[in-house]
Amino acid sequence: MVRRAVVDDRSASSYSESSVVERPSAASVIAKVLTVLYVTVISLIGLDTLFEAMDANESNGFVNAVDTLASPLMAPFSGMFDNQQYWATALVAAVVYTVVYLIAMAVLRRDRTY
């Protein structure tokens, strides 16, 4: 949805010139920010899981940074099941974040023409 603002320029000349400035709605901006956050979160979880599966060297700066950023995102979902493995935690976290993202996008993009 795009909001339009009409600008009327009646300065130094005897005729009037109007132009239309299109601005994205607040919901559109929020949706774009949420999409960037969602992709970032899922990418961090995916990379961290890949590094864990490949037994990456945790003393490497990049591997350590990804693990540091992804751990708080996956912490609420660890230990949900007996003998839960790392990949299962990552999968549950990714599914939950995807469901939350899809619900938020549905709310933001619903038709508001009542």
Protein backbone atom coordinates (compact mmCIF):
# COMPACT_ATOMS: atom_id res chain seq x y z
CA MET A 1 0.00 0.00 0.00
CA VAL A 2 1.40 3.39 -0.94
CA ARG A 3 0.39 6.68 0.59
CA ARG A 4 0.36 9.67 -1.72
CA ALA A 5 1.11 13.21 -0.75
CA VAL A 6 0.33 16.04 -3.14
CA VAL A 7 2.77 18.91 -3.06
CA ASP A 8 1.54 22.25 -4.41
CA ASP A 9 4.35 24.58 -5.44
CA ARG A 10 3.08 28.16 -5.79
CA SER A 11 6.35 30.01 -5.51
CA ALA A 12 7.68 32.75 -7.78
CA SER A 13 5.65 31.93 -10.88
CA SER A 14 2.09 32.76 -11.83
CA TYR A 15 1.10 29.16 -12.54
CA SER A 16 0.76 26.31 -10.09
CA GLU A 17 2.57 23.01 -10.40
CA SER A 18 1.56 19.96 -8.40
CA SER A 19 3.54 16.78 -8.01
CA VAL A 20 2.72 13.49 -6.35
CA VAL A 21 5.20 12.08 -3.86
CA GLU A 22 4.71 8.39 -3.12
CA ARG A 23 5.65 7.13 0.34
CA PRO A 24 5.47 3.56 1.54
CA SER A 25 3.03 2.88 4.35
CA ALA A 26 4.24 2.16 7.87
CA ALA A 27 3.09 -1.46 7.53
CA SER A 28 5.22 -1.86 4.42
CA VAL A 29 8.31 -0.51 6.16
CA ILE A 30 7.72 -2.73 9.20
CA ALA A 31 7.25 -5.75 6.91
CA LYS A 32 10.58 -5.06 5.21
CA VAL A 33 12.38 -4.72 8.56
CA LEU A 34 10.79 -7.95 9.84
CA THR A 35 11.87 -9.76 6.67
CA VAL A 36 15.47 -8.65 7.13
CA LEU A 37 15.39 -9.76 10.78
CA TYR A 38 13.81 -13.10 9.89
CA VAL A 39 16.37 -13.86 7.18
CA THR A 40 19.18 -12.89 9.56
CA VAL A 41 17.88 -15.12 12.36
CA ILE A 42 17.31 -18.14 10.11
CA SER A 43 20.71 -17.65 8.47
CA LEU A 44 22.46 -17.55 11.84
CA ILE A 45 20.67 -20.68 13.02
CA GLY A 46 21.45 -22.45 9.75
CA LEU A 47 25.12 -21.49 9.75
CA ASP A 48 25.54 -22.44 13.39
CA THR A 49 23.93 -25.83 12.77
CA LEU A 50 26.12 -26.39 9.70
CA PHE A 51 29.25 -25.52 11.67
CA GLU A 52 28.17 -27.84 14.48
CA ALA A 53 27.49 -30.70 12.03
CA MET A 54 30.87 -30.21 10.36
CA ASP A 55 32.63 -29.98 13.74
CA ALA A 56 34.03 -26.54 12.93
CA ASN A 57 36.88 -25.12 14.98
CA GLU A 58 35.25 -22.94 17.64
CA SER A 59 38.42 -20.92 18.13
CA ASN A 60 37.91 -19.50 14.62
CA GLY A 61 36.59 -15.94 14.87
CA PHE A 62 33.74 -16.32 12.38
CA VAL A 63 32.56 -19.65 13.81
CA ASN A 64 32.73 -18.19 17.32
CA ALA A 65 30.79 -15.06 16.27
CA VAL A 66 28.03 -17.10 14.62
CA ASP A 67 27.79 -19.35 17.69
CA THR A 68 27.66 -16.33 20.02
CA LEU A 69 24.84 -14.74 18.02
CA ALA A 70 22.85 -17.93 17.41
CA SER A 71 23.00 -19.40 20.92
CA PRO A 72 20.53 -16.94 22.53
CA LEU A 73 18.14 -17.48 19.61
CA MET A 74 18.12 -21.24 20.12
CA ALA A 75 18.33 -21.32 23.94
CA PRO A 76 14.54 -21.27 24.58
CA PHE A 77 14.14 -24.44 22.51
CA SER A 78 16.94 -26.60 23.93
CA GLY A 79 16.04 -29.43 26.26
CA MET A 80 12.44 -29.73 25.09
CA PHE A 81 12.83 -33.48 24.51
CA ASP A 82 14.86 -36.24 26.16
CA ASN A 83 18.30 -36.60 24.55
CA GLN A 84 17.58 -33.72 22.17
CA GLN A 85 20.34 -33.23 19.64
CA TYR A 86 21.62 -29.90 18.40
CA TRP A 87 20.02 -30.18 14.95
CA ALA A 88 16.61 -30.83 16.54
CA THR A 89 16.92 -27.66 18.61
CA ALA A 90 17.81 -25.71 15.47
CA LEU A 91 14.88 -27.21 13.58
CA VAL A 92 12.36 -26.39 16.31
CA ALA A 93 13.73 -22.84 16.58
CA ALA A 94 13.56 -22.30 12.81
CA VAL A 95 9.99 -23.60 12.65
CA VAL A 96 8.83 -21.41 15.54
CA TYR A 97 10.49 -18.29 14.12
CA THR A 98 8.99 -19.03 10.71
CA VAL A 99 5.47 -19.39 12.13
CA VAL A 100 5.85 -16.13 14.10
CA TYR A 101 7.16 -14.36 10.98
CA LEU A 102 4.31 -15.63 8.80
CA ILE A 103 1.69 -14.56 11.33
CA ALA A 104 3.26 -11.09 11.62
CA MET A 105 3.36 -10.73 7.83
CA ALA A 106 -0.28 -11.79 7.52
CA VAL A 107 -1.30 -9.19 10.09
CA LEU A 108 0.71 -6.44 8.40
CA ARG A 109 -0.50 -7.23 4.87
CA ARG A 110 -4.16 -7.79 5.54
CA ASP A 111 -6.59 -5.78 3.47
CA ARG A 112 -7.48 -2.61 5.35
CA THR A 113 -10.24 -1.39 3.04
CA TYR A 114 -13.30 -1.81 5.23
